Amino acid sequence: MIKSWRKTRADSRRWAAAQSLPDLANLMALWCEGELSMWPGHPAPADPETSPLTHTLAAANRAGLLTDQSQPGSDSLGYDGLRWQQRAAVSGWIADEQLLTQIRHAGEAAGLLVLISHPRLIPHGQGAICTIRDGRPYTRFGGHLPAHALLHLWPSISRQALDQVVDAWQVCLIDPDIGRNDRLWPLLNDLFATDPTTA
């Protein structure tokens, strides 16, 4: 228990020391790989469903896409006995406009839904439904997060890093088809030269 508390405290210090969006993205890569026990918006390890995506998400972060949400596509009975249907999706922030353009063009060419917003772009989208539980909408991805929401999502990070997140492009890639994992994740692996089978 004490060891776990010390680990969390040490990891929190690493997040607080980050001075830029790329710094945060490199730490997020470590969290995806299990080296960090938490990130400021999620005080716990990654969910088990993310395990097959670990290398892909880590590579995306190291390339400059600071991820915050992701899920594989699926269509199955859940822990509650109800049918859960998911679209493969990932969302995050990008400061590099060249990387933004590269991801957008690749996503659109692959037939993905690409949602992009920025604090100076009006109007902002509400995102798209990505999880359906028992036939009803359950979660959305890609809705624009205003500055006050980012303050809650990224508590205890430096002002410099937070300012870069607030001023970054918010990006979301979504497979329009439920249950598929053969478009979004291979696309990201190709973009970031990732081999998901290697540790």
C-alpha atoms as a PDB file:
ATOM      1  CA  MET A   1       0.000   0.000   0.000  1.00  0.00           C
ATOM      2  CA  ILE A   2       2.770   2.441   0.953  1.00  0.00           C
ATOM      3  CA  LYS A   3       4.775   1.400  -2.121  1.00  0.00           C
ATOM      4  CA  SER A   4       1.749   2.069  -4.350  1.00  0.00           C
ATOM      5  CA  TRP A   5       1.197   5.483  -2.755  1.00  0.00           C
ATOM      6  CA  ARG A   6       4.852   6.408  -3.234  1.00  0.00           C
ATOM      7  CA  LYS A   7       4.694   5.331  -6.893  1.00  0.00           C
ATOM      8  CA  THR A   8       1.606   7.455  -7.516  1.00  0.00           C
ATOM      9  CA  ARG A   9       3.197  10.424  -5.801  1.00  0.00           C
ATOM     10  CA  ALA A  10       6.396  10.070  -7.827  1.00  0.00           C
ATOM     11  CA  ASP A  11       4.411   9.758 -11.059  1.00  0.00           C
ATOM     12  CA  SER A  12       2.368  12.849 -10.159  1.00  0.00           C
ATOM     13  CA  ARG A  13       5.605  14.789  -9.782  1.00  0.00           C
ATOM     14  CA  ARG A  14       6.698  13.721 -13.262  1.00  0.00           C
ATOM     15  CA  TRP A  15       3.457  15.009 -14.748  1.00  0.00           C
ATOM     16  CA  ALA A  16       3.743  18.271 -12.818  1.00  0.00           C
ATOM     17  CA  ALA A  17       7.277  18.780 -14.173  1.00  0.00           C
ATOM     18  CA  ALA A  18       6.158  18.559 -17.825  1.00  0.00           C
ATOM     19  CA  GLN A  19       6.571  21.924 -19.546  1.00  0.00           C
ATOM     20  CA  SER A  20       4.992  21.303 -22.956  1.00  0.00           C
ATOM     21  CA  LEU A  21       2.467  19.239 -24.883  1.00  0.00           C
ATOM     22  CA  PRO A  22       5.264  16.983 -26.259  1.00  0.00           C
ATOM     23  CA  ASP A  23       6.436  16.417 -22.671  1.00  0.00           C
ATOM     24  CA  LEU A  24       2.907  15.341 -21.717  1.00  0.00           C
ATOM     25  CA  ALA A  25       2.670  13.090 -24.783  1.00  0.00           C
ATOM     26  CA  ASN A  26       5.929  11.314 -23.904  1.00  0.00           C
ATOM     27  CA  LEU A  27       4.638  10.695 -20.383  1.00  0.00           C
ATOM     28  CA  MET A  28       1.327   9.434 -21.813  1.00  0.00           C
ATOM     29  CA  ALA A  29       3.308   6.939 -23.889  1.00  0.00           C
ATOM     30  CA  LEU A  30       4.906   5.657 -20.677  1.00  0.00           C
ATOM     31  CA  TRP A  31       1.468   5.399 -19.045  1.00  0.00           C
ATOM     32  CA  CYS A  32       0.166   3.419 -22.032  1.00  0.00           C
ATOM     33  CA  GLU A  33       3.103   1.037 -21.602  1.00  0.00           C
ATOM     34  CA  GLY A  34       2.435   0.641 -17.874  1.00  0.00           C
ATOM     35  CA  GLU A  35       5.517   2.488 -16.637  1.00  0.00           C
ATOM     36  CA  LEU A  36       3.420   5.228 -15.034  1.00  0.00           C
ATOM     37  CA  SER A  37       0.552   4.366 -12.697  1.00  0.00           C
ATOM     38  CA  MET A  38      -1.687   7.286 -13.649  1.00  0.00           C
ATOM     39  CA  TRP A  39      -2.136  10.437 -15.666  1.00  0.00           C
ATOM     40  CA  PRO A  40      -3.782  13.575 -14.251  1.00  0.00           C
ATOM     41  CA  GLY A  41      -7.162  12.906 -15.879  1.00  0.00           C
ATOM     42  CA  HIS A  42      -7.166   9.187 -15.022  1.00  0.00           C
ATOM     43  CA  PRO A  43      -5.681   8.223 -11.630  1.00  0.00           C
ATOM     44  CA  ALA A  44      -5.333   4.537 -12.514  1.00  0.00           C
ATOM     45  CA  PRO A  45      -3.652   2.194 -15.010  1.00  0.00           C
ATOM     46  CA  ALA A  46      -5.074   1.756 -18.513  1.00  0.00           C
ATOM     47  CA  ASP A  47      -8.241  -0.311 -18.920  1.00  0.00           C
ATOM     48  CA  PRO A  48      -7.707  -3.959 -19.948  1.00  0.00           C
ATOM     49  CA  GLU A  49      -9.434  -3.417 -23.314  1.00  0.00           C
ATOM     50  CA  THR A  50      -6.600  -1.038 -24.218  1.00  0.00           C
ATOM     51  CA  SER A  51      -3.891  -3.714 -23.846  1.00  0.00           C
ATOM     52  CA  PRO A  52      -3.858  -4.736 -27.545  1.00  0.00           C
ATOM     53  CA  LEU A  53      -3.490  -1.055 -28.478  1.00  0.00           C
ATOM     54  CA  THR A  54      -0.582  -0.272 -26.140  1.00  0.00           C
ATOM     55  CA  HIS A  55       2.189  -0.050 -28.736  1.00  0.00           C
ATOM     56  CA  THR A  56       0.025   1.857 -31.206  1.00  0.00           C
ATOM     57  CA  LEU A  57      -1.035   4.453 -28.637  1.00  0.00           C
ATOM     58  CA  ALA A  58       2.490   4.828 -27.255  1.00  0.00           C
ATOM     59  CA  ALA A  59       3.869   5.424 -30.755  1.00  0.00           C
ATOM     60  CA  ALA A  60       1.123   7.955 -31.531  1.00  0.00           C
ATOM     61  CA  ASN A  61       1.976   9.879 -28.379  1.00  0.00           C
ATOM     62  CA  ARG A  62       5.697   9.859 -29.104  1.00  0.00           C
ATOM     63  CA  ALA A  63       4.929  11.197 -32.599  1.00  0.00           C
ATOM     64  CA  GLY A  64       3.065  14.169 -31.115  1.00  0.00           C
ATOM     65  CA  LEU A  65      -0.564  13.068 -30.739  1.00  0.00           C
ATOM     66  CA  LEU A  66      -1.323  13.437 -27.025  1.00  0.00           C
ATOM     67  CA  THR A  67      -4.116  10.899 -26.570  1.00  0.00           C
ATOM     68  CA  ASP A  68      -6.738  10.955 -23.846  1.00  0.00           C
ATOM     69  CA  GLN A  69      -9.464   8.547 -24.999  1.00  0.00           C
ATOM     70  CA  SER A  70      -9.359   5.394 -27.062  1.00  0.00           C
ATOM     71  CA  GLN A  71     -11.306   2.211 -27.514  1.00  0.00           C
ATOM     72  CA  PRO A  72     -11.274  -0.809 -29.818  1.00  0.00           C
ATOM     73  CA  GLY A  73     -14.237  -1.695 -31.955  1.00  0.00           C
ATOM     74  CA  SER A  74     -16.413  -4.453 -30.501  1.00  0.00           C
ATOM     75  CA  ASP A  75     -19.902  -5.929 -30.501  1.00  0.00           C
ATOM     76  CA  SER A  76     -20.495  -8.292 -27.599  1.00  0.00           C
ATOM     77  CA  LEU A  77     -22.258  -8.918 -24.338  1.00  0.00           C
ATOM     78  CA  GLY A  78     -20.798  -6.820 -21.542  1.00  0.00           C
ATOM     79  CA  TYR A  79     -20.194  -7.414 -17.837  1.00  0.00           C
ATOM     80  CA  ASP A  80     -23.845  -6.481 -17.203  1.00  0.00           C
ATOM     81  CA  GLY A  81     -25.248  -9.007 -19.678  1.00  0.00           C
ATOM     82  CA  LEU A  82     -26.285  -6.266 -22.102  1.00  0.00           C
ATOM     83  CA  ARG A  83     -25.104  -5.797 -25.665  1.00  0.00           C
ATOM     84  CA  TRP A  84     -22.250  -3.284 -25.977  1.00  0.00           C
ATOM     85  CA  GLN A  85     -21.380  -1.990 -29.452  1.00  0.00           C
ATOM     86  CA  GLN A  86     -18.277   0.121 -29.960  1.00  0.00           C
ATOM     87  CA  ARG A  87     -16.709   1.988 -32.827  1.00  0.00           C
ATOM     88  CA  ALA A  88     -12.910   2.036 -32.792  1.00  0.00           C
ATOM     89  CA  ALA A  89     -11.878   5.560 -31.831  1.00  0.00           C
ATOM     90  CA  VAL A  90      -9.039   7.679 -30.507  1.00  0.00           C
ATOM     91  CA  SER A  91      -8.937  11.333 -29.516  1.00  0.00           C
ATOM     92  CA  GLY A  92      -6.341  13.808 -28.315  1.00  0.00           C
ATOM     93  CA  TRP A  93      -4.402  16.998 -29.038  1.00  0.00           C
ATOM     94  CA  ILE A  94      -1.836  17.996 -31.636  1.00  0.00           C
ATOM     95  CA  ALA A  95       0.339  21.112 -31.647  1.00  0.00           C
ATOM     96  CA  ASP A  96       2.187  20.317 -34.902  1.00  0.00           C
ATOM     97  CA  GLU A  97       0.059  21.394 -37.893  1.00  0.00           C
ATOM     98  CA  GLN A  98       2.085  19.247 -40.298  1.00  0.00           C
ATOM     99  CA  LEU A  99       1.265  16.159 -38.211  1.00  0.00           C
ATOM    100  CA  LEU A 100      -2.373  17.285 -38.033  1.00  0.00           C
ATOM    101  CA  THR A 101      -2.562  17.491 -41.834  1.00  0.00           C
ATOM    102  CA  GLN A 102      -0.878  14.102 -42.224  1.00  0.00           C
ATOM    103  CA  ILE A 103      -3.318  12.410 -39.834  1.00  0.00           C
ATOM    104  CA  ARG A 104      -6.336  14.128 -41.341  1.00  0.00           C
ATOM    105  CA  HIS A 105      -5.481  13.157 -44.919  1.00  0.00           C
ATOM    106  CA  ALA A 106      -4.667   9.564 -43.956  1.00  0.00           C
ATOM    107  CA  GLY A 107      -7.834   9.230 -41.889  1.00  0.00           C
ATOM    108  CA  GLU A 108     -10.095  10.594 -44.590  1.00  0.00           C
ATOM    109  CA  ALA A 109      -8.447   8.397 -47.245  1.00  0.00           C
ATOM    110  CA  ALA A 110      -9.086   5.331 -45.055  1.00  0.00           C
ATOM    111  CA  GLY A 111     -12.781   6.190 -44.704  1.00  0.00           C
ATOM    112  CA  LEU A 112     -12.574   7.255 -41.065  1.00  0.00           C
ATOM    113  CA  LEU A 113     -14.578  10.046 -39.510  1.00  0.00           C
ATOM    114  CA  VAL A 114     -12.056  12.793 -38.692  1.00  0.00           C
ATOM    115  CA  LEU A 115     -13.207  15.442 -36.219  1.00  0.00           C
ATOM    116  CA  ILE A 116     -11.008  18.478 -35.656  1.00  0.00           C
ATOM    117  CA  SER A 117     -11.622  21.515 -33.483  1.00  0.00           C
ATOM    118  CA  HIS A 118      -9.635  24.442 -32.161  1.00  0.00           C
ATOM    119  CA  PRO A 119     -10.464  27.135 -29.579  1.00  0.00           C
ATOM    120  CA  ARG A 120     -10.503  29.762 -32.335  1.00  0.00           C
ATOM    121  CA  LEU A 121     -12.764  27.756 -34.677  1.00  0.00           C
ATOM    122  CA  ILE A 122     -16.477  28.439 -34.355  1.00  0.00           C
ATOM    123  CA  PRO A 123     -18.795  26.537 -34.266  1.00  0.00           C
ATOM    124  CA  HIS A 124     -17.469  23.533 -32.403  1.00  0.00           C
ATOM    125  CA  GLY A 125     -18.813  20.057 -33.014  1.00  0.00           C
ATOM    126  CA  GLN A 126     -20.497  17.869 -30.434  1.00  0.00           C
ATOM    127  CA  GLY A 127     -18.639  14.724 -31.431  1.00  0.00           C
ATOM    128  CA  ALA A 128     -20.082  11.376 -32.461  1.00  0.00           C
ATOM    129  CA  ILE A 129     -21.597   8.454 -30.582  1.00  0.00           C
ATOM    130  CA  CYS A 130     -18.996   5.700 -30.298  1.00  0.00           C
ATOM    131  CA  THR A 131     -20.501   3.335 -27.728  1.00  0.00           C
ATOM    132  CA  ILE A 132     -24.040   1.975 -27.691  1.00  0.00           C
ATOM    133  CA  ARG A 133     -25.260   0.047 -24.669  1.00  0.00           C
ATOM    134  CA  ASP A 134     -28.429  -2.022 -25.024  1.00  0.00           C
ATOM    135  CA  GLY A 135     -29.409  -0.051 -28.119  1.00  0.00           C
ATOM    136  CA  ARG A 136     -28.947   3.351 -26.487  1.00  0.00           C
ATOM    137  CA  PRO A 137     -26.137   5.906 -26.953  1.00  0.00           C
ATOM    138  CA  TYR A 138     -23.625   5.599 -24.118  1.00  0.00           C
ATOM    139  CA  THR A 139     -20.457   7.557 -24.949  1.00  0.00           C
ATOM    140  CA  ARG A 140     -19.341  10.191 -27.429  1.00  0.00           C
ATOM    141  CA  PHE A 141     -15.892  10.937 -28.811  1.00  0.00           C
ATOM    142  CA  GLY A 142     -14.648  14.100 -30.461  1.00  0.00           C
ATOM    143  CA  GLY A 143     -16.729  16.791 -28.798  1.00  0.00           C
ATOM    144  CA  HIS A 144     -14.815  20.044 -28.345  1.00  0.00           C
ATOM    145  CA  LEU A 145     -13.461  20.569 -24.821  1.00  0.00           C
ATOM    146  CA  PRO A 146     -13.345  24.245 -23.794  1.00  0.00           C
ATOM    147  CA  ALA A 147     -10.600  25.647 -21.589  1.00  0.00           C
ATOM    148  CA  HIS A 148     -12.549  25.221 -18.339  1.00  0.00           C
ATOM    149  CA  ALA A 149     -13.063  21.514 -19.083  1.00  0.00           C
ATOM    150  CA  LEU A 150      -9.362  21.081 -19.812  1.00  0.00           C
ATOM    151  CA  LEU A 151      -8.539  22.590 -16.424  1.00  0.00           C
ATOM    152  CA  HIS A 152     -10.458  19.708 -14.828  1.00  0.00           C
ATOM    153  CA  LEU A 153      -9.090  17.071 -17.197  1.00  0.00           C
ATOM    154  CA  TRP A 154      -5.476  18.143 -16.671  1.00  0.00           C
ATOM    155  CA  PRO A 155      -5.186  19.153 -13.008  1.00  0.00           C
ATOM    156  CA  SER A 156      -1.801  19.707 -11.397  1.00  0.00           C
ATOM    157  CA  ILE A 157       0.216  20.186 -14.583  1.00  0.00           C
ATOM    158  CA  SER A 158       2.347  23.258 -15.215  1.00  0.00           C
ATOM    159  CA  ARG A 159       0.784  26.406 -16.587  1.00  0.00           C
ATOM    160  CA  GLN A 160       3.075  26.223 -19.609  1.00  0.00           C
ATOM    161  CA  ALA A 161       1.945  22.704 -20.496  1.00  0.00           C
ATOM    162  CA  LEU A 162      -1.727  23.509 -19.891  1.00  0.00           C
ATOM    163  CA  ASP A 163      -1.534  26.584 -22.124  1.00  0.00           C
ATOM    164  CA  GLN A 164      -0.216  24.417 -24.953  1.00  0.00           C
ATOM    165  CA  VAL A 165      -3.013  21.872 -24.496  1.00  0.00           C
ATOM    166  CA  VAL A 166      -5.635  24.629 -24.475  1.00  0.00           C
ATOM    167  CA  ASP A 167      -4.200  26.118 -27.686  1.00  0.00           C
ATOM    168  CA  ALA A 168      -3.730  22.768 -29.481  1.00  0.00           C
ATOM    169  CA  TRP A 169      -5.860  21.183 -32.174  1.00  0.00           C
ATOM    170  CA  GLN A 170      -8.334  18.673 -30.743  1.00  0.00           C
ATOM    171  CA  VAL A 171      -8.451  15.638 -33.016  1.00  0.00           C
ATOM    172  CA  CYS A 172     -10.572  12.498 -33.080  1.00  0.00           C
ATOM    173  CA  LEU A 173     -10.509   9.551 -35.479  1.00  0.00           C
ATOM    174  CA  ILE A 174     -13.506   7.216 -35.531  1.00  0.00           C
ATOM    175  CA  ASP A 175     -14.296   4.134 -37.582  1.00  0.00           C
ATOM    176  CA  PRO A 176     -17.879   4.657 -38.812  1.00  0.00           C
ATOM    177  CA  ASP A 177     -18.610   0.925 -38.559  1.00  0.00           C
ATOM    178  CA  ILE A 178     -19.290  -0.842 -35.281  1.00  0.00           C
ATOM    179  CA  GLY A 179     -16.944  -3.641 -34.257  1.00  0.00           C
ATOM    180  CA  ARG A 180     -14.151  -3.039 -36.774  1.00  0.00           C
ATOM    181  CA  ASN A 181     -10.483  -2.886 -35.810  1.00  0.00           C
ATOM    182  CA  ASP A 182      -8.976  -3.233 -39.279  1.00  0.00           C
ATOM    183  CA  ARG A 183      -8.931   0.424 -40.314  1.00  0.00           C
ATOM    184  CA  LEU A 184      -8.074   2.836 -37.493  1.00  0.00           C
ATOM    185  CA  TRP A 185      -5.360   0.863 -35.705  1.00  0.00           C
ATOM    186  CA  PRO A 186      -3.517  -0.342 -38.847  1.00  0.00           C
ATOM    187  CA  LEU A 187      -3.627   3.246 -40.109  1.00  0.00           C
ATOM    188  CA  LEU A 188      -1.946   4.544 -36.954  1.00  0.00           C
ATOM    189  CA  ASN A 189       0.592   1.711 -37.047  1.00  0.00           C
ATOM    190  CA  ASP A 190       1.460   2.645 -40.633  1.00  0.00           C
ATOM    191  CA  LEU A 191       1.652   6.365 -39.851  1.00  0.00           C
ATOM    192  CA  PHE A 192       3.959   5.871 -36.901  1.00  0.00           C
ATOM    193  CA  ALA A 193       5.880   2.819 -38.170  1.00  0.00           C
ATOM    194  CA  THR A 194       4.676   0.668 -35.313  1.00  0.00           C
ATOM    195  CA  ASP A 195       4.759  -3.112 -35.099  1.00  0.00           C
ATOM    196  CA  PRO A 196       2.015  -3.926 -32.546  1.00  0.00           C
ATOM    197  CA  THR A 197       3.308  -7.497 -32.169  1.00  0.00           C
ATOM    198  CA  THR A 198       6.643  -6.412 -30.703  1.00  0.00           C
ATOM    199  CA  ALA A 199       7.114  -5.646 -27.037  1.00  0.00           C
END
